[in-house]
Amino acid sequence: MEYVYGALLLHKLGKEVSEENVKKVVAAAGEKVDDSKVKSLIASLKDVDIAKELESASLVASAPAGETHKAEKKEEKKEEKHEAAAEGLSALFG
């Protein structure tokens, strides 16, 4: 994950996201650099528009609070039903 963070930091600072620069960032953070992971990351990012991907990710993350709240309520109701069913069964076999 530190390699991805390094690439994101480089992007944010307007620096080239290259093998050499990612290695420098990871090494500066005090981690041992794994060359194969750096190469794999850079190859994966070859045709990726990082700014565009970050923008679409932030749109997903910033879904309206009401929708997130509704999903949480549904989960709570499912848990309550499950607990009630378990209580009913324990009364039968209790």
Protein backbone atom coordinates (compact mmCIF):
# COMPACT_ATOMS: atom_id res chain seq x y z
CA MET A 1 0.00 0.00 0.00
CA GLU A 2 2.90 2.32 0.66
CA TYR A 3 3.74 2.23 -3.04
CA VAL A 4 0.25 3.41 -3.99
CA TYR A 5 0.46 6.17 -1.40
CA GLY A 6 3.84 7.18 -2.80
CA ALA A 7 2.38 7.39 -6.29
CA LEU A 8 -0.55 9.44 -5.01
CA LEU A 9 1.79 11.81 -3.19
CA LEU A 10 3.89 12.29 -6.30
CA HIS A 11 0.75 12.96 -8.34
CA LYS A 12 -0.53 15.48 -5.78
CA LEU A 13 2.79 17.32 -5.87
CA GLY A 14 2.79 17.42 -9.65
CA LYS A 15 5.84 15.15 -9.94
CA GLU A 16 6.27 12.36 -12.44
CA VAL A 17 4.99 9.04 -11.16
CA SER A 18 7.96 6.90 -12.20
CA GLU A 19 9.80 3.91 -10.76
CA GLU A 20 12.68 6.08 -9.61
CA ASN A 21 10.44 8.63 -7.89
CA VAL A 22 8.26 6.03 -6.16
CA LYS A 23 11.39 4.28 -4.90
CA LYS A 24 12.67 7.57 -3.50
CA VAL A 25 9.40 8.30 -1.69
CA VAL A 26 9.17 4.82 -0.16
CA ALA A 27 12.83 4.87 0.87
CA ALA A 28 12.41 8.35 2.37
CA ALA A 29 9.57 6.97 4.49
CA GLY A 30 12.01 4.46 5.95
CA GLU A 31 10.73 1.36 4.17
CA LYS A 32 12.77 -1.20 2.27
CA VAL A 33 11.95 -0.89 -1.44
CA ASP A 34 10.70 -3.95 -3.29
CA ASP A 35 11.64 -3.32 -6.93
CA SER A 36 9.11 -5.84 -8.27
CA LYS A 37 6.22 -4.10 -6.48
CA VAL A 38 7.33 -0.72 -7.81
CA LYS A 39 7.59 -2.06 -11.37
CA SER A 40 4.19 -3.71 -11.08
CA LEU A 41 2.58 -0.51 -9.81
CA ILE A 42 4.09 1.65 -12.54
CA ALA A 43 3.02 -0.88 -15.19
CA SER A 44 -0.51 -0.87 -13.76
CA LEU A 45 -0.65 2.93 -13.88
CA LYS A 46 0.70 3.16 -17.44
CA ASP A 47 -2.51 4.32 -19.15
CA VAL A 48 -4.38 5.53 -16.07
CA ASP A 49 -5.45 9.14 -15.64
CA ILE A 50 -4.91 9.39 -11.88
CA ALA A 51 -6.76 12.71 -11.56
CA LYS A 52 -9.82 11.29 -13.32
CA GLU A 53 -9.78 8.14 -11.17
CA LEU A 54 -9.50 10.16 -7.98
CA GLU A 55 -12.39 12.35 -9.07
CA SER A 56 -14.66 9.39 -9.77
CA ALA A 57 -13.63 7.77 -6.48
CA SER A 58 -14.48 10.91 -4.54
CA LEU A 59 -17.90 11.06 -6.20
CA VAL A 60 -18.64 7.55 -4.97
CA ALA A 61 -17.32 8.36 -1.50
CA SER A 62 -19.43 11.48 -1.26
CA ALA A 63 -22.79 9.80 -1.82
CA PRO A 64 -25.65 11.70 -0.20
CA ALA A 65 -25.77 11.11 3.54
CA GLY A 66 -29.42 10.11 3.32
CA GLU A 67 -28.63 7.16 1.08
CA THR A 68 -25.85 6.00 3.37
CA HIS A 69 -28.13 6.39 6.38
CA LYS A 70 -30.88 4.36 4.67
CA ALA A 71 -28.44 1.52 4.00
CA GLU A 72 -27.36 1.53 7.65
CA LYS A 73 -31.00 1.43 8.81
CA LYS A 74 -31.68 -1.60 6.57
CA GLU A 75 -28.70 -3.41 8.08
CA GLU A 76 -29.95 -2.63 11.60
CA LYS A 77 -33.42 -3.96 10.77
CA LYS A 78 -31.95 -7.19 9.37
CA GLU A 79 -29.91 -7.66 12.54
CA GLU A 80 -32.96 -6.99 14.74
CA LYS A 81 -35.04 -9.55 12.82
CA HIS A 82 -32.25 -12.10 13.12
CA GLU A 83 -31.95 -11.50 16.87
CA ALA A 84 -35.72 -11.75 17.35
CA ALA A 85 -35.79 -15.03 15.44
CA ALA A 86 -32.96 -16.38 17.56
CA GLU A 87 -34.80 -15.38 20.75
CA GLY A 88 -37.94 -17.13 19.53
CA LEU A 89 -36.03 -20.33 18.83
CA SER A 90 -34.37 -20.27 22.22
CA ALA A 91 -37.81 -20.06 23.84
CA LEU A 92 -38.87 -23.17 21.97
CA PHE A 93 -35.82 -25.22 22.91
CA GLY A 94 -34.93 -23.35 26.08
